[in-house]
Protein backbone atom coordinates (compact mmCIF):
# COMPACT_ATOMS: atom_id res chain seq x y z
CA MET A 1 25.44 31.91 -0.34
CA ALA A 2 25.60 28.22 0.57
CA GLY A 3 26.17 29.07 4.21
CA GLU A 4 23.26 31.51 4.16
CA THR A 5 20.96 28.90 2.64
CA ALA A 6 22.02 26.24 5.11
CA GLY A 7 21.19 28.61 7.93
CA TYR A 8 17.53 28.60 6.96
CA PHE A 9 17.23 24.88 7.64
CA VAL A 10 17.50 23.21 11.04
CA ARG A 11 21.15 22.32 10.29
CA ARG A 12 23.54 22.27 7.35
CA ALA A 13 22.82 18.64 6.39
CA THR A 14 19.99 16.23 7.11
CA GLY A 15 22.08 13.69 9.00
CA LEU A 16 20.58 10.87 6.92
CA VAL A 17 22.85 8.58 4.91
CA ARG A 18 22.45 6.70 1.65
CA ALA A 19 22.23 3.25 3.22
CA TRP A 20 20.17 1.47 0.56
CA SER A 21 21.20 0.02 -2.76
CA GLY A 22 19.06 0.04 -5.88
CA PHE A 23 18.10 -3.57 -5.15
CA ASP A 24 16.90 -2.58 -1.68
CA ALA A 25 14.71 0.09 -3.30
CA PHE A 26 13.35 -2.50 -5.75
CA ILE A 27 12.37 -4.85 -2.91
CA TYR A 28 10.62 -1.98 -1.13
CA ALA A 29 8.68 -1.13 -4.30
CA PHE A 30 7.88 -4.81 -4.83
CA PHE A 31 6.59 -5.21 -1.29
CA SER A 32 4.61 -1.97 -1.57
CA VAL A 33 2.52 -3.43 -4.41
CA ASN A 34 2.45 -6.61 -2.40
CA PHE A 35 1.09 -9.48 -4.50
CA VAL A 36 0.16 -11.62 -1.49
CA THR A 37 -0.67 -9.31 1.40
CA LEU A 38 -2.47 -6.66 -0.64
CA GLY A 39 -3.01 -8.35 -3.98
CA MET A 40 -4.76 -11.53 -2.89
CA TYR A 41 -6.86 -9.48 -0.47
CA ILE A 42 -7.96 -6.92 -3.08
CA MET A 43 -8.52 -9.55 -5.76
CA SER A 44 -11.10 -11.14 -3.49
CA PHE A 45 -13.32 -8.09 -4.09
CA GLY A 46 -13.64 -9.07 -7.77
CA PRO A 47 -17.28 -10.21 -7.37
CA PHE A 48 -18.25 -6.61 -6.57
CA VAL A 49 -17.89 -5.96 -10.33
CA PRO A 50 -19.59 -9.19 -11.44
CA LYS A 51 -19.21 -8.71 -15.20
CA GLY A 52 -15.57 -7.64 -15.05
CA HIS A 53 -12.53 -9.89 -15.25
CA LEU A 54 -9.50 -9.53 -13.01
CA LEU A 55 -6.88 -10.64 -15.54
CA PRO A 56 -7.25 -7.92 -18.21
CA ALA A 57 -7.98 -5.36 -15.48
CA ALA A 58 -4.64 -6.12 -13.80
CA ILE A 59 -2.70 -5.73 -17.05
CA ILE A 60 -4.42 -2.45 -17.99
CA THR A 61 -3.87 -1.10 -14.47
CA GLY A 62 -0.20 -1.99 -14.72
CA VAL A 63 0.12 -0.08 -18.00
CA LEU A 64 -1.52 3.02 -16.54
CA VAL A 65 0.46 2.93 -13.28
CA THR A 66 3.64 2.77 -15.37
CA PHE A 67 3.09 6.44 -16.28
CA LEU A 68 3.00 7.22 -12.56
CA VAL A 69 6.36 5.45 -12.26
CA ILE A 70 7.78 7.58 -15.09
CA VAL A 71 6.68 10.76 -13.33
CA TYR A 72 8.00 9.81 -9.91
CA ALA A 73 11.30 8.53 -11.31
CA GLY A 74 11.75 11.95 -12.92
CA LEU A 75 11.03 13.82 -9.69
CA ILE A 76 13.36 11.57 -7.71
CA ALA A 77 16.22 11.96 -10.18
CA ALA A 78 15.78 15.74 -10.24
CA MET A 79 15.46 16.15 -6.45
CA PRO A 80 16.58 12.96 -4.66
CA ARG A 81 15.77 14.20 -1.19
CA ALA A 82 14.21 12.67 1.92
CA GLY A 83 10.58 13.71 2.07
CA GLY A 84 9.60 13.03 -1.53
CA ASP A 85 6.15 14.46 -2.22
CA TYR A 86 6.51 17.20 0.39
CA VAL A 87 9.87 18.38 -0.98
CA TRP A 88 8.80 18.36 -4.63
CA GLN A 89 5.46 20.04 -4.07
CA SER A 90 6.92 22.70 -1.77
CA ARG A 91 9.69 23.56 -4.25
CA ILE A 92 7.36 23.68 -7.26
CA LEU A 93 3.87 24.54 -5.96
CA GLY A 94 4.62 26.24 -2.65
CA GLY A 95 4.98 25.31 1.00
CA GLY A 96 1.34 25.65 2.06
CA ILE A 97 -0.23 23.28 -0.43
CA ALA A 98 2.70 20.87 -0.07
CA PHE A 99 2.37 20.72 3.70
CA VAL A 100 -1.40 20.21 3.64
CA LEU A 101 -1.32 17.49 0.98
CA ALA A 102 1.79 15.62 2.10
CA VAL A 103 1.25 15.82 5.84
CA THR A 104 -2.37 14.66 5.53
CA GLY A 105 -1.51 11.96 2.99
CA TRP A 106 1.67 10.67 4.62
CA TRP A 107 1.34 11.48 8.31
CA PHE A 108 -2.26 11.69 9.52
CA ILE A 109 -3.61 9.04 7.16
CA LEU A 110 -0.96 6.44 7.95
CA TRP A 111 -2.08 6.44 11.60
CA HIS A 112 -5.33 5.04 10.24
CA TRP A 113 -3.57 2.43 8.15
CA VAL A 114 -2.10 0.76 11.24
CA PRO A 115 -5.39 -0.97 12.25
CA ILE A 116 -5.98 -1.76 8.57
CA TYR A 117 -2.60 -3.54 8.59
CA GLY A 118 -3.69 -5.16 11.86
CA ASN A 119 -6.89 -6.44 10.28
CA ILE A 120 -4.91 -7.93 7.38
CA LEU A 121 -2.55 -9.57 9.88
CA SER A 122 -5.58 -11.12 11.59
CA ILE A 123 -7.06 -12.68 8.47
CA GLN A 124 -3.81 -13.62 6.69
CA PHE A 125 -1.64 -14.72 9.59
CA PHE A 126 -3.41 -15.49 12.85
CA ALA A 127 -6.62 -16.94 11.38
CA PRO A 128 -5.12 -19.43 8.88
CA ILE A 129 -2.33 -20.55 11.22
CA LEU A 130 -4.62 -21.05 14.20
CA SER A 131 -7.12 -22.91 11.99
CA THR A 132 -4.35 -25.17 10.73
CA LEU A 133 -3.40 -25.87 14.35
CA GLY A 134 -7.00 -26.95 14.99
CA ARG A 135 -8.06 -23.80 16.84
CA PRO A 136 -10.87 -22.38 14.67
CA ALA A 137 -12.47 -20.53 17.59
CA ALA A 138 -9.20 -18.73 18.34
CA ALA A 139 -8.86 -17.95 14.64
CA GLN A 140 -12.26 -16.26 14.60
CA TRP A 141 -11.45 -14.40 17.85
CA PHE A 142 -8.87 -12.36 15.95
CA GLY A 143 -11.76 -10.87 14.00
CA THR A 144 -13.23 -9.44 17.20
CA PRO A 145 -12.46 -5.87 18.36
CA THR A 146 -9.92 -7.08 20.91
CA GLY A 147 -8.33 -9.37 18.34
CA ILE A 148 -7.97 -6.54 15.82
CA PHE A 149 -6.56 -4.19 18.47
CA LEU A 150 -4.04 -6.82 19.55
CA SER A 151 -3.05 -7.37 15.92
CA SER A 152 -2.60 -3.61 15.49
CA LEU A 153 -0.32 -3.48 18.54
CA VAL A 154 1.71 -6.35 17.11
CA VAL A 155 2.10 -4.40 13.87
CA LEU A 156 3.13 -1.29 15.82
CA ALA A 157 5.73 -3.18 17.83
CA PHE A 158 7.34 -4.79 14.81
CA VAL A 159 7.25 -1.65 12.69
CA ALA A 160 8.67 0.56 15.43
CA TYR A 161 11.52 -1.94 15.78
CA TYR A 162 12.11 -2.03 12.02
CA ILE A 163 12.40 1.75 11.83
CA ALA A 164 14.45 2.08 15.00
CA ILE A 165 17.22 -0.22 13.76
CA GLY A 166 17.83 2.00 10.74
CA MET A 167 17.72 1.60 6.98
CA GLU A 168 20.54 -0.95 6.84
CA GLY A 169 18.89 -3.16 9.43
CA TYR A 170 15.52 -2.96 7.75
CA ALA A 171 17.14 -3.77 4.40
CA ARG A 172 18.41 -7.05 5.86
CA ILE A 173 14.92 -7.90 7.14
CA GLN A 174 13.46 -7.01 3.74
CA LYS A 175 15.85 -9.32 1.92
CA ALA A 176 15.16 -12.24 4.25
CA CYS A 177 11.39 -11.76 3.87
CA PHE A 178 11.75 -11.30 0.11
CA TRP A 179 13.59 -14.56 -0.51
CA GLY A 180 11.64 -16.56 2.07
CA GLY A 181 8.33 -15.21 0.78
CA LEU A 182 9.26 -16.14 -2.79
CA VAL A 183 10.01 -19.70 -1.66
CA GLY A 184 6.58 -19.90 -0.04
CA LEU A 185 4.87 -18.51 -3.13
CA ALA A 186 6.77 -20.92 -5.40
CA ILE A 187 5.45 -23.82 -3.30
CA VAL A 188 1.88 -22.49 -3.51
CA PHE A 189 2.14 -22.04 -7.29
CA LEU A 190 3.67 -25.50 -7.67
CA LEU A 191 0.82 -27.07 -5.69
CA LEU A 192 -1.71 -25.35 -7.94
CA LEU A 193 0.25 -26.31 -11.04
CA VAL A 194 0.51 -30.05 -10.34
CA GLY A 195 -2.86 -30.43 -8.61
CA SER A 196 -6.12 -31.03 -10.41
CA GLN A 197 -9.55 -29.52 -9.79
CA ALA A 198 -10.84 -32.90 -8.62
CA GLN A 199 -7.98 -33.16 -6.12
CA PHE A 200 -8.61 -29.66 -4.86
CA GLN A 201 -12.34 -30.31 -4.45
CA GLN A 202 -11.57 -33.45 -2.44
CA ALA A 203 -8.97 -31.61 -0.32
CA PHE A 204 -11.28 -28.67 0.33
CA ASN A 205 -14.09 -30.94 1.46
CA ARG A 206 -11.73 -32.94 3.69
CA GLU A 207 -10.33 -29.88 5.48
CA ALA A 208 -13.72 -28.15 5.80
CA VAL A 209 -14.99 -31.24 7.63
CA SER A 210 -11.83 -31.81 9.67
CA LEU A 211 -11.13 -28.22 10.77
CA PHE A 212 -14.56 -26.61 10.83
CA GLY A 213 -17.03 -29.45 11.35
CA ALA A 214 -18.75 -29.05 7.97
CA SER A 215 -20.43 -31.95 6.21
CA GLY A 216 -21.07 -33.15 2.69
CA ASP A 217 -19.69 -31.70 -0.54
CA VAL A 218 -18.72 -28.27 0.80
CA TYR A 219 -17.14 -27.29 -2.54
CA ALA A 220 -20.46 -27.74 -4.34
CA GLN A 221 -22.32 -26.12 -1.46
CA THR A 222 -20.12 -23.01 -1.85
CA LEU A 223 -21.12 -22.66 -5.50
CA GLU A 224 -24.80 -23.25 -4.76
CA ALA A 225 -24.82 -20.76 -1.88
CA SER A 226 -23.37 -18.13 -4.18
CA ARG A 227 -26.03 -18.72 -6.81
CA LYS A 228 -28.81 -18.53 -4.22
CA TYR A 229 -27.38 -15.27 -2.95
CA GLY A 230 -27.58 -13.88 -6.49
CA PHE A 231 -24.00 -14.06 -7.71
CA THR A 232 -23.21 -16.42 -10.56
CA PRO A 233 -19.51 -16.26 -11.56
CA GLY A 234 -18.68 -15.77 -15.22
CA ALA A 235 -16.50 -18.13 -17.20
CA PHE A 236 -12.74 -17.60 -16.97
CA GLY A 237 -12.40 -17.39 -20.74
CA SER A 238 -14.88 -14.52 -20.96
CA MET A 239 -12.91 -11.28 -20.56
CA PRO A 240 -15.09 -8.33 -21.60
CA LEU A 241 -12.98 -5.19 -21.79
CA GLY A 242 -15.58 -2.58 -20.82
CA PRO A 243 -16.73 -4.12 -17.53
CA SER A 244 -13.14 -5.09 -16.71
CA ILE A 245 -12.11 -1.43 -16.81
CA LEU A 246 -14.50 -0.88 -13.91
CA LEU A 247 -12.26 -3.16 -11.84
CA ILE A 248 -9.33 -0.75 -12.21
CA PRO A 249 -10.43 1.51 -9.30
CA MET A 250 -10.48 -1.68 -7.23
CA LEU A 251 -7.12 -3.07 -8.30
CA VAL A 252 -5.28 0.20 -7.74
CA PHE A 253 -5.77 -0.49 -4.03
CA TYR A 254 -2.76 -2.78 -4.45
CA LEU A 255 -1.10 -1.72 -7.73
CA LEU A 256 -0.90 2.05 -7.15
CA TRP A 257 2.05 1.93 -4.77
CA PRO A 258 5.34 1.15 -6.63
CA ASN A 259 6.40 4.73 -5.82
CA TRP A 260 5.70 4.27 -2.08
CA GLY A 261 9.42 4.51 -1.36
CA ALA A 262 9.80 7.85 -3.16
CA THR A 263 10.12 9.69 0.16
CA LEU A 264 13.18 7.56 1.00
CA TYR A 265 15.39 8.31 -1.99
CA GLY A 266 17.51 10.72 -0.01
CA GLU A 267 18.84 7.48 1.52
CA VAL A 268 19.23 5.39 -1.65
CA ARG A 269 22.53 5.24 -3.52
CA GLY A 270 22.38 6.29 -7.16
CA ALA A 271 19.07 8.12 -6.69
CA SER A 272 20.00 10.73 -9.30
CA ASP A 273 20.27 8.00 -11.97
CA TYR A 274 16.86 8.18 -13.71
CA ARG A 275 17.09 4.75 -15.34
CA ARG A 276 18.09 3.03 -12.12
CA VAL A 277 15.27 4.66 -10.15
CA PHE A 278 12.75 3.92 -12.90
CA SER A 279 13.85 0.28 -13.14
CA GLY A 280 13.36 -0.37 -9.43
CA MET A 281 9.78 0.86 -9.39
CA PHE A 282 8.93 -0.47 -12.86
CA TRP A 283 10.03 -4.03 -12.11
CA GLY A 284 8.45 -3.90 -8.66
CA LEU A 285 5.16 -3.16 -10.44
CA TRP A 286 5.42 -5.50 -13.40
CA VAL A 287 6.73 -8.55 -11.55
CA THR A 288 3.63 -8.14 -9.38
CA VAL A 289 1.35 -7.87 -12.43
CA ALA A 290 2.99 -10.99 -13.91
CA LEU A 291 2.50 -12.90 -10.66
CA SER A 292 -1.13 -11.82 -10.64
CA VAL A 293 -1.70 -13.19 -14.15
CA VAL A 294 -0.01 -16.50 -13.30
CA PHE A 295 -2.13 -16.70 -10.14
CA PHE A 296 -5.37 -16.21 -12.08
CA LEU A 297 -4.43 -18.95 -14.54
CA LEU A 298 -3.49 -21.41 -11.80
CA VAL A 299 -6.61 -20.67 -9.76
CA ALA A 300 -8.80 -21.24 -12.82
CA LYS A 301 -7.01 -24.52 -13.53
CA THR A 302 -7.02 -26.07 -10.06
CA MET A 303 -9.45 -24.30 -7.72
CA GLY A 304 -11.91 -23.43 -10.44
CA TRP A 305 -12.58 -19.81 -11.34
CA ASP A 306 -16.24 -20.09 -10.42
CA PHE A 307 -15.38 -21.52 -7.00
CA TYR A 308 -12.76 -18.83 -6.31
CA LEU A 309 -15.19 -16.00 -7.07
CA ALA A 310 -18.10 -17.70 -5.31
CA ALA A 311 -16.10 -18.28 -2.12
CA ASN A 312 -15.07 -14.63 -2.02
CA SER A 313 -18.59 -13.43 -2.78
CA ASN A 314 -19.98 -15.54 0.05
CA TYR A 315 -17.39 -14.29 2.52
CA TRP A 316 -17.82 -10.59 1.78
CA ALA A 317 -21.59 -10.99 1.88
CA THR A 318 -21.27 -11.97 5.55
CA ILE A 319 -19.38 -8.71 6.18
CA TYR A 320 -21.45 -6.25 4.15
CA ASP A 321 -24.86 -7.95 3.94
CA PRO A 322 -25.08 -10.24 6.99
CA LYS A 323 -28.89 -10.42 6.96
CA ASN A 324 -29.00 -12.03 3.52
CA ALA A 325 -25.59 -13.69 3.37
CA PRO A 326 -25.27 -17.46 3.02
CA ALA A 327 -23.91 -19.45 5.96
CA LEU A 328 -20.21 -20.24 5.59
CA ALA A 329 -19.03 -23.80 6.03
CA VAL A 330 -15.49 -22.37 6.28
CA PRO A 331 -15.98 -19.22 8.39
CA LEU A 332 -12.72 -17.54 7.32
CA TRP A 333 -11.61 -15.32 4.50
CA PRO A 334 -10.72 -17.80 1.71
CA TYR A 335 -6.97 -17.17 1.77
CA PRO A 336 -5.68 -18.77 -1.45
CA ALA A 337 -2.36 -19.82 0.09
CA MET A 338 -4.14 -21.70 2.88
CA LEU A 339 -6.51 -23.37 0.41
CA ALA A 340 -3.58 -24.42 -1.79
CA THR A 341 -1.77 -26.07 1.14
CA TRP A 342 -4.82 -28.27 1.71
CA LEU A 343 -3.76 -30.20 -1.38
CA VAL A 344 -1.18 -31.81 0.91
CA ASN A 345 -2.78 -33.65 3.82
CA ASN A 346 -0.04 -32.84 6.33
CA ARG A 347 -0.41 -30.26 9.09
CA ALA A 348 3.32 -29.61 9.51
CA PHE A 349 3.73 -28.95 5.79
CA GLN A 350 0.71 -26.64 5.74
CA LEU A 351 2.03 -24.69 8.71
CA ILE A 352 5.51 -24.26 7.22
CA VAL A 353 4.11 -22.91 3.95
CA LEU A 354 1.81 -20.47 5.78
CA LEU A 355 4.73 -19.22 7.87
CA LEU A 356 6.78 -18.69 4.72
CA MET A 357 3.86 -16.85 3.11
CA SER A 358 3.54 -14.64 6.19
CA LEU A 359 6.95 -13.16 5.30
CA TRP A 360 5.12 -11.18 2.62
CA PHE A 361 3.35 -9.38 5.45
CA TRP A 362 6.34 -8.95 7.74
CA GLY A 363 8.52 -7.60 4.93
CA TRP A 364 5.75 -5.21 3.88
CA SER A 365 4.63 -4.00 7.30
CA GLY A 366 7.42 -1.44 7.65
CA THR A 367 5.92 0.54 4.79
CA VAL A 368 3.29 1.92 7.17
CA PHE A 369 5.89 4.11 8.96
CA LEU A 370 9.15 4.17 7.04
CA SER A 371 8.03 6.49 4.23
CA SER A 372 5.90 8.61 6.56
CA THR A 373 8.70 9.40 8.98
CA ARG A 374 10.71 10.96 6.15
CA VAL A 375 7.88 13.36 5.25
CA ILE A 376 7.57 14.46 8.89
CA PHE A 377 11.35 14.80 9.07
CA ALA A 378 11.50 16.90 5.90
CA ALA A 379 8.79 19.29 7.14
CA ALA A 380 10.63 19.70 10.45
CA PHE A 381 13.95 20.18 8.64
CA ASP A 382 12.27 23.07 6.80
CA ARG A 383 11.22 24.44 10.23
CA VAL A 384 7.49 24.04 9.54
CA LEU A 385 7.28 21.50 12.36
CA PRO A 386 9.24 21.80 15.63
CA GLU A 387 12.99 21.18 15.29
CA TRP A 388 12.89 18.12 17.57
CA ALA A 389 10.84 16.30 14.90
CA ALA A 390 13.94 16.52 12.68
CA SER A 391 16.20 14.92 15.28
CA VAL A 392 18.24 12.02 13.92
CA SER A 393 19.99 9.28 15.89
CA PRO A 394 23.75 9.65 15.26
CA LYS A 395 24.16 5.87 15.47
CA SER A 396 21.29 4.50 13.37
CA HIS A 397 20.53 7.69 11.38
CA VAL A 398 16.85 7.24 12.22
CA PRO A 399 14.55 10.31 12.53
CA THR A 400 13.53 9.47 16.08
CA GLY A 401 11.27 12.48 16.59
CA ALA A 402 9.28 11.63 13.48
CA LEU A 403 8.96 8.02 14.62
CA VAL A 404 7.36 9.14 17.90
CA LEU A 405 4.87 11.25 15.93
CA MET A 406 3.79 8.11 14.09
CA VAL A 407 3.72 5.56 16.92
CA VAL A 408 1.85 7.41 19.68
CA PRO A 409 -1.16 8.64 17.62
CA SER A 410 -1.39 5.25 15.92
CA ILE A 411 -2.05 3.54 19.24
CA VAL A 412 -4.97 5.89 19.89
CA VAL A 413 -6.36 5.48 16.39
CA SER A 414 -6.05 1.69 16.58
CA TYR A 415 -7.99 1.66 19.83
CA LEU A 416 -10.77 3.80 18.34
CA TYR A 417 -10.83 1.65 15.18
CA ALA A 418 -11.27 -1.53 17.20
CA TYR A 419 -13.59 -0.42 19.97
CA ARG A 420 -15.49 2.69 18.92
CA PRO A 421 -18.48 1.75 16.72
CA GLY A 422 -18.42 3.62 13.45
CA PHE A 423 -14.82 4.82 13.65
CA ALA A 424 -13.65 2.22 11.11
CA THR A 425 -16.11 3.78 8.65
CA LEU A 426 -14.24 7.07 8.95
CA THR A 427 -11.12 5.43 7.50
CA LEU A 428 -12.77 4.35 4.23
CA ASP A 429 -11.32 7.28 2.30
CA ALA A 430 -7.77 6.63 3.51
CA THR A 431 -6.64 5.46 0.06
CA LEU A 432 -8.37 8.39 -1.64
CA VAL A 433 -6.32 10.88 0.40
CA ILE A 434 -3.04 9.23 -0.62
CA ALA A 435 -4.11 9.35 -4.27
CA VAL A 436 -4.83 13.08 -3.86
CA THR A 437 -1.28 13.52 -2.54
CA TYR A 438 0.00 11.71 -5.62
CA LEU A 439 -2.12 13.99 -7.77
CA GLY A 440 -0.42 17.03 -6.25
CA SER A 441 3.03 15.65 -7.02
CA VAL A 442 2.07 14.61 -10.55
CA PHE A 443 0.69 18.09 -11.26
CA ALA A 444 3.91 19.59 -9.87
CA ALA A 445 5.94 17.29 -12.13
CA THR A 446 3.87 18.24 -15.17
CA ILE A 447 4.64 21.95 -14.80
CA PHE A 448 8.15 21.38 -13.40
CA PRO A 449 9.99 22.09 -16.71
CA TRP A 450 8.46 25.58 -16.83
CA ARG A 451 7.91 26.36 -13.15
CA ARG A 452 11.53 25.59 -12.16
CA SER A 453 13.17 25.60 -15.57
CA GLN A 454 16.74 26.05 -14.37
CA LEU A 455 16.49 23.18 -11.92
CA TYR A 456 14.80 21.01 -14.54
CA GLU A 457 17.37 21.70 -17.25
CA SER A 458 20.22 20.82 -14.91
CA SER A 459 18.60 17.50 -13.94
CA PRO A 460 19.20 14.15 -15.70
CA VAL A 461 15.50 13.87 -16.59
CA ALA A 462 15.70 16.86 -18.98
CA ARG A 463 17.13 14.71 -21.75
CA TYR A 464 14.00 12.56 -21.99
CA LYS A 465 11.44 13.98 -24.41
CA VAL A 466 8.45 12.85 -26.49
CA ALA A 467 7.87 14.73 -29.75
CA GLY A 468 9.91 17.59 -28.32
CA LEU A 469 7.91 17.75 -25.10
CA PRO A 470 9.31 16.79 -21.69
CA LEU A 471 8.61 13.10 -20.98
CA ILE A 472 7.78 13.92 -17.35
CA SER A 473 5.04 16.33 -18.51
CA VAL A 474 3.54 13.96 -21.09
CA ALA A 475 3.45 11.13 -18.57
CA GLY A 476 2.10 13.61 -16.03
CA VAL A 477 -0.93 14.51 -18.15
CA ILE A 478 -1.79 10.82 -18.64
CA THR A 479 -1.34 10.11 -14.94
CA ILE A 480 -3.51 13.07 -13.93
CA ALA A 481 -6.32 11.70 -16.11
CA PHE A 482 -5.81 8.23 -14.62
CA LEU A 483 -5.89 9.47 -11.02
CA LEU A 484 -8.93 11.68 -11.66
CA PHE A 485 -10.79 8.71 -13.16
CA ASN A 486 -10.16 6.66 -10.03
CA LEU A 487 -11.03 9.53 -7.69
CA TRP A 488 -14.25 10.15 -9.61
CA LYS A 489 -15.28 6.47 -9.43
CA TRP A 490 -14.43 6.25 -5.72
CA VAL A 491 -16.46 9.34 -4.91
CA THR A 492 -19.50 8.57 -7.08
CA ASP A 493 -19.78 4.76 -7.14
CA ALA A 494 -20.65 2.75 -4.03
CA THR A 495 -19.11 -0.37 -5.61
CA TYR A 496 -15.68 0.56 -4.29
CA GLY A 497 -16.80 1.11 -0.72
CA VAL A 498 -15.15 4.51 -0.19
CA ASN A 499 -17.85 7.03 -1.12
CA ASN A 500 -18.90 7.48 2.48
CA ARG A 501 -20.05 10.96 3.49
CA GLN A 502 -18.86 10.63 7.09
CA SER A 503 -15.43 9.50 5.97
CA GLY A 504 -15.24 12.36 3.47
CA VAL A 505 -16.04 14.91 6.17
CA TYR A 506 -13.50 13.32 8.50
CA MET A 507 -10.80 13.56 5.84
CA LEU A 508 -11.63 17.23 5.28
CA VAL A 509 -11.15 17.77 9.01
CA LEU A 510 -7.68 16.23 8.73
CA TYR A 511 -6.85 18.56 5.83
CA ALA A 512 -8.10 21.49 7.90
CA LEU A 513 -5.90 20.40 10.81
CA ALA A 514 -2.86 20.35 8.54
CA LEU A 515 -3.72 23.82 7.24
CA VAL A 516 -4.07 25.19 10.79
CA ILE A 517 -0.67 23.74 11.75
CA TYR A 518 0.92 25.36 8.70
CA ILE A 519 -0.65 28.76 9.39
CA ILE A 520 0.53 28.65 13.00
CA ALA A 521 4.02 27.66 11.86
CA ARG A 522 4.07 30.49 9.32
CA VAL A 523 3.12 33.06 11.99
CA VAL A 524 5.53 31.71 14.63
CA ARG A 525 8.47 31.51 12.24
CA ALA A 526 7.78 34.99 10.90
CA ARG A 527 8.00 36.36 14.44
CA GLN A 528 11.34 34.55 14.77
CA GLY A 529 12.56 36.21 11.58
CA ILE A 530 12.36 33.01 9.51
CA ASP A 531 10.75 33.19 6.08
CA LEU A 532 9.25 29.80 5.23
CA ALA A 533 8.69 30.90 1.63
CA ARG A 534 12.43 31.47 1.30
CA ILE A 535 13.16 28.05 2.75
CA HIS A 536 10.78 26.43 0.27
CA SER A 537 12.65 28.02 -2.63
CA GLU A 538 15.86 26.22 -1.69
CA ILE A 539 16.85 22.54 -1.96
CA PRO A 540 17.98 20.99 1.34
CA VAL A 541 21.49 19.56 1.57
CA GLU A 542 21.72 15.81 2.20
């Protein structure tokens, strides 16, 4: 029977190896909910919900995302296979829906994330470093189409290298970036801790004049410009719960991803240990939430909460409302790490800290392809995609075919994103599509104990219950409600910037493309005497 089952797949075993430790998986989860690269960027959108407060919103979001972690830890422990969402959905819900949701959410969409990563690289790496070196014009150039395209190509080059060297090689890069990034963040936090608001105001004015040719009290001008524009920041001590909840659909843009490495657990040692898997994702999430809270407190103490919100409001006004936006004395995104280094009037010191802080990006950047290649690989291993997409390097154990299917289309998409007017708008729903993929897996997990009862009962997660009900199902119901709330707000409320009709239609086209590919595969394999439904009833051998 085992030999017969193996014959349905491309080969008897995947060819992947368990090269990562639990600590490696924790670092990946921690970088996925990246406090600096994603967190500081998303926090800057706080003024879009003017009556909300970021601090309670971050804590509440962390609590709700914890239920997502419970669900995914259960799925991983029950079926620790490369491919994650695709494998679980196909074995519980069926191959068609799994392929459409997972391939769209993990393959097609991640092409569109490459230029988004490139844009973040521009504003968090090139712009602050070039400005510190006294090249403000060059810094602003990286916000041009050619600058963004170049940044996207840089991301592609580094990420392709990361994946090509294999899981062990990438784990070493992760660790170096993890420890170096923490050193940089500790310095930034220490500067904010020992500095005073008066010192920061003086430093901000000094650097605005020195680097950007501003004049006068630029700190005060920032606050006044915000008020004239119509945004008056609330006091830090005022934390209304109701309006703060409306920030949750914003903050999930960085806190929703502790399970990003779920597709990799076929290559993580001890993946069938529920507590170990849960701990990696849980601490990746909650260390990030804790860092966020500390950051808010330090910003309020030294930068001034009103200044922080006003600076961000002014910057985003120039992007989304350029006709009415105030003129910026500092024409860059107000990167908190850069602003904190200004407390020390030394260019070499500032540059070193920014380079250390950039490790948060370099350690995180591999997430754009690493998880995706395993979904493509899993679909090819099931024979839905061509067999060559399941090819694995015997030396590095890298799914080389899947890597090609990520790199080549990403170059095209990055070019269109940078140079074709309006294409960037089509990517606005990119996060929404990933959340829909999560929703499919969470629904599968919720019915798992009844849909595949024998497999569930034999898994380590079966012992965890709440009032006699499976823990994975209870957590699943809560997570479904949480995801639906966010999807509803994204679709119906313009505040979050993703309820764009053109983008919605474009995403539906991508879903349709995935469906067409699956139908073609089903027909072709049937003519070859291969039953995809039978394959999707079996668990692949690692």
